[in-house]
Protein backbone atom coordinates (compact mmCIF):
# COMPACT_ATOMS: atom_id res chain seq x y z
CA MET A 1 2.12 -13.74 -7.61
CA THR A 2 0.41 -11.32 -9.94
CA ILE A 3 -0.86 -7.94 -8.80
CA ASN A 4 -4.44 -9.22 -8.99
CA GLU A 5 -3.62 -12.35 -6.97
CA ILE A 6 -2.07 -10.18 -4.25
CA GLN A 7 -5.09 -7.86 -4.28
CA ASP A 8 -7.45 -10.85 -3.99
CA GLU A 9 -5.41 -12.19 -1.06
CA ILE A 10 -5.63 -8.83 0.75
CA ILE A 11 -9.36 -8.57 0.05
CA GLU A 12 -9.83 -12.00 1.68
CA GLU A 13 -7.87 -10.83 4.73
CA PHE A 14 -10.15 -7.80 5.12
CA LEU A 15 -13.37 -9.78 4.50
CA VAL A 16 -12.75 -11.69 7.73
CA PHE A 17 -13.82 -8.54 9.59
CA ASP A 18 -17.22 -6.83 9.51
CA ASP A 19 -16.38 -3.98 11.84
CA TRP A 20 -14.25 -1.13 10.50
CA LEU A 21 -12.42 -0.79 13.80
CA ASP A 22 -11.11 -4.31 13.22
CA LYS A 23 -10.18 -3.42 9.64
CA TYR A 24 -8.30 -0.36 10.86
CA ALA A 25 -6.50 -2.59 13.38
CA LEU A 26 -5.49 -4.91 10.52
CA LEU A 27 -4.25 -1.92 8.53
CA ILE A 28 -2.25 -0.68 11.53
CA ASP A 29 -0.76 -4.17 12.00
CA MET A 30 0.28 -4.17 8.32
CA GLY A 31 1.97 -0.83 8.84
CA ASN A 32 3.73 -2.09 11.96
CA GLY A 33 5.13 -4.95 9.88
CA LEU A 34 6.67 -2.57 7.37
CA PRO A 35 10.47 -2.48 7.67
CA PRO A 36 11.66 0.95 8.84
CA LEU A 37 12.77 3.18 6.00
CA ASP A 38 16.47 3.96 6.07
CA GLU A 39 17.05 7.58 7.12
CA LYS A 40 18.97 8.25 3.89
CA TYR A 41 15.67 7.88 1.98
CA LYS A 42 13.77 10.32 4.18
CA THR A 43 14.50 13.26 1.92
CA GLU A 44 12.40 16.06 0.44
CA ASN A 45 12.61 14.31 -2.95
CA ASN A 46 10.98 11.19 -1.51
CA LEU A 47 8.31 13.06 0.43
CA ILE A 48 4.84 12.63 -1.09
CA GLU A 49 3.02 15.90 -1.68
CA GLY A 50 -0.70 15.97 -1.01
CA CYS A 51 -0.56 13.86 2.13
CA GLN A 52 -1.71 15.27 5.45
CA SER A 53 0.94 13.24 7.28
CA ARG A 54 4.52 12.81 6.17
CA VAL A 55 5.01 9.93 3.74
CA TRP A 56 8.30 9.00 2.15
CA LEU A 57 8.47 6.67 -0.83
CA HIS A 58 11.60 5.31 -2.46
CA ALA A 59 11.85 3.00 -5.47
CA GLU A 60 14.65 0.96 -6.99
CA GLN A 61 14.73 -1.29 -10.00
CA HIS A 62 16.46 -4.68 -9.99
CA ASP A 63 16.29 -7.24 -12.79
CA GLY A 64 13.49 -5.33 -14.50
CA LYS A 65 11.25 -5.18 -11.42
CA ILE A 66 10.51 -2.23 -9.15
CA PHE A 67 10.90 -2.49 -5.40
CA TYR A 68 9.29 0.17 -3.24
CA ARG A 69 10.15 1.18 0.28
CA GLY A 70 8.17 3.66 2.29
CA GLN A 71 7.09 4.94 5.64
CA SER A 72 4.69 7.40 7.21
CA ASP A 73 4.65 9.12 10.56
CA ALA A 74 0.93 8.27 10.98
CA VAL A 75 -0.07 4.69 11.89
CA ILE A 76 -3.06 4.29 9.55
CA VAL A 77 -1.23 5.94 6.66
CA ASN A 78 1.75 3.68 7.32
CA GLY A 79 -0.68 0.77 6.91
CA ILE A 80 -1.83 2.17 3.57
CA VAL A 81 1.82 2.53 2.49
CA SER A 82 2.40 -1.09 3.48
CA LEU A 83 -0.66 -2.20 1.53
CA LEU A 84 0.41 -0.41 -1.65
CA ILE A 85 3.98 -1.68 -1.39
CA ARG A 86 2.73 -5.24 -0.91
CA VAL A 87 0.59 -4.98 -4.05
CA LEU A 88 2.94 -3.14 -6.40
CA SER A 89 6.48 -4.04 -5.30
CA ASP A 90 8.36 -6.78 -7.16
CA HIS A 91 6.58 -6.15 -10.47
CA THR A 92 7.67 -4.72 -13.79
CA PRO A 93 6.98 -1.10 -14.68
CA GLN A 94 4.45 -2.22 -17.30
CA GLU A 95 2.57 -4.41 -14.82
CA ILE A 96 2.37 -1.47 -12.40
CA LEU A 97 1.31 1.01 -15.07
CA HIS A 98 -1.47 -1.28 -16.34
CA ALA A 99 -2.69 -2.48 -12.93
CA ASP A 100 -6.33 -2.01 -12.02
CA LEU A 101 -6.16 -1.38 -8.28
CA TYR A 102 -9.64 -2.56 -7.37
CA LEU A 103 -8.80 -3.56 -3.80
CA ILE A 104 -9.18 0.01 -2.48
CA GLU A 105 -12.90 -0.05 -3.27
CA ARG A 106 -13.46 -3.75 -2.58
CA ILE A 107 -12.17 -3.57 0.99
CA GLY A 108 -14.17 -0.36 1.52
CA LEU A 109 -11.11 1.72 2.24
CA LYS A 110 -12.08 4.57 -0.06
CA GLU A 111 -15.28 5.40 1.81
CA HIS A 112 -13.68 5.00 5.25
CA LEU A 113 -10.84 7.47 4.76
CA SER A 114 -11.03 11.16 5.50
CA PRO A 115 -10.82 13.41 2.43
CA MET A 116 -7.22 14.30 3.31
CA ARG A 117 -6.20 10.65 3.64
CA SER A 118 -7.98 9.86 0.35
CA ASN A 119 -5.98 12.63 -1.32
CA GLY A 120 -2.83 11.16 0.20
CA LEU A 121 -3.70 7.71 -1.12
CA VAL A 122 -4.17 9.13 -4.63
CA SER A 123 -0.84 10.98 -4.31
CA MET A 124 0.97 7.80 -3.21
CA LEU A 125 -0.45 5.81 -6.13
CA LYS A 126 0.44 8.61 -8.52
CA GLN A 127 4.04 8.67 -7.26
CA MET A 128 4.35 4.88 -7.51
CA ARG A 129 3.14 5.03 -11.11
CA LEU A 130 5.50 7.93 -11.87
CA TYR A 131 8.40 5.80 -10.64
CA ALA A 132 7.18 2.96 -12.89
CA LEU A 133 6.92 5.35 -15.85
CA ALA A 134 10.43 6.69 -15.21
CA PHE A 135 11.90 3.18 -14.94
CA SER A 136 10.09 2.05 -18.10
CA ALA A 137 11.65 5.02 -19.93
CA GLY A 138 15.06 3.95 -18.65
CA LYS A 139 15.61 6.84 -16.25
């Protein structure tokens, strides 16, 4: 699936709910479905700066595609990590770098996050794109 097809699928999942408590519950469920991050990746280098809670993000490249793994110690943030991994993992660096991540606004997440969580979301996206940039440069 393309990044846009995955985003559209997620948007449909969120549109089922009108109430933001239900949407938060869906986000928490997504985070609960995230495989635990191996302790060896929970390092200072993988810790995302700018997040209120602790978020670790690790990336590897296989056969030209990037695969992200991540985890947070906060349930809603873990859901956001899961969401971003679902959208961007298993794509090429160029696809990630050129992606228009419209789902954040379309599901209403941007206006329902605290300023600190919004900053964390921006920091996570920035780090994911930095990994893509590094892999596209062959590092």
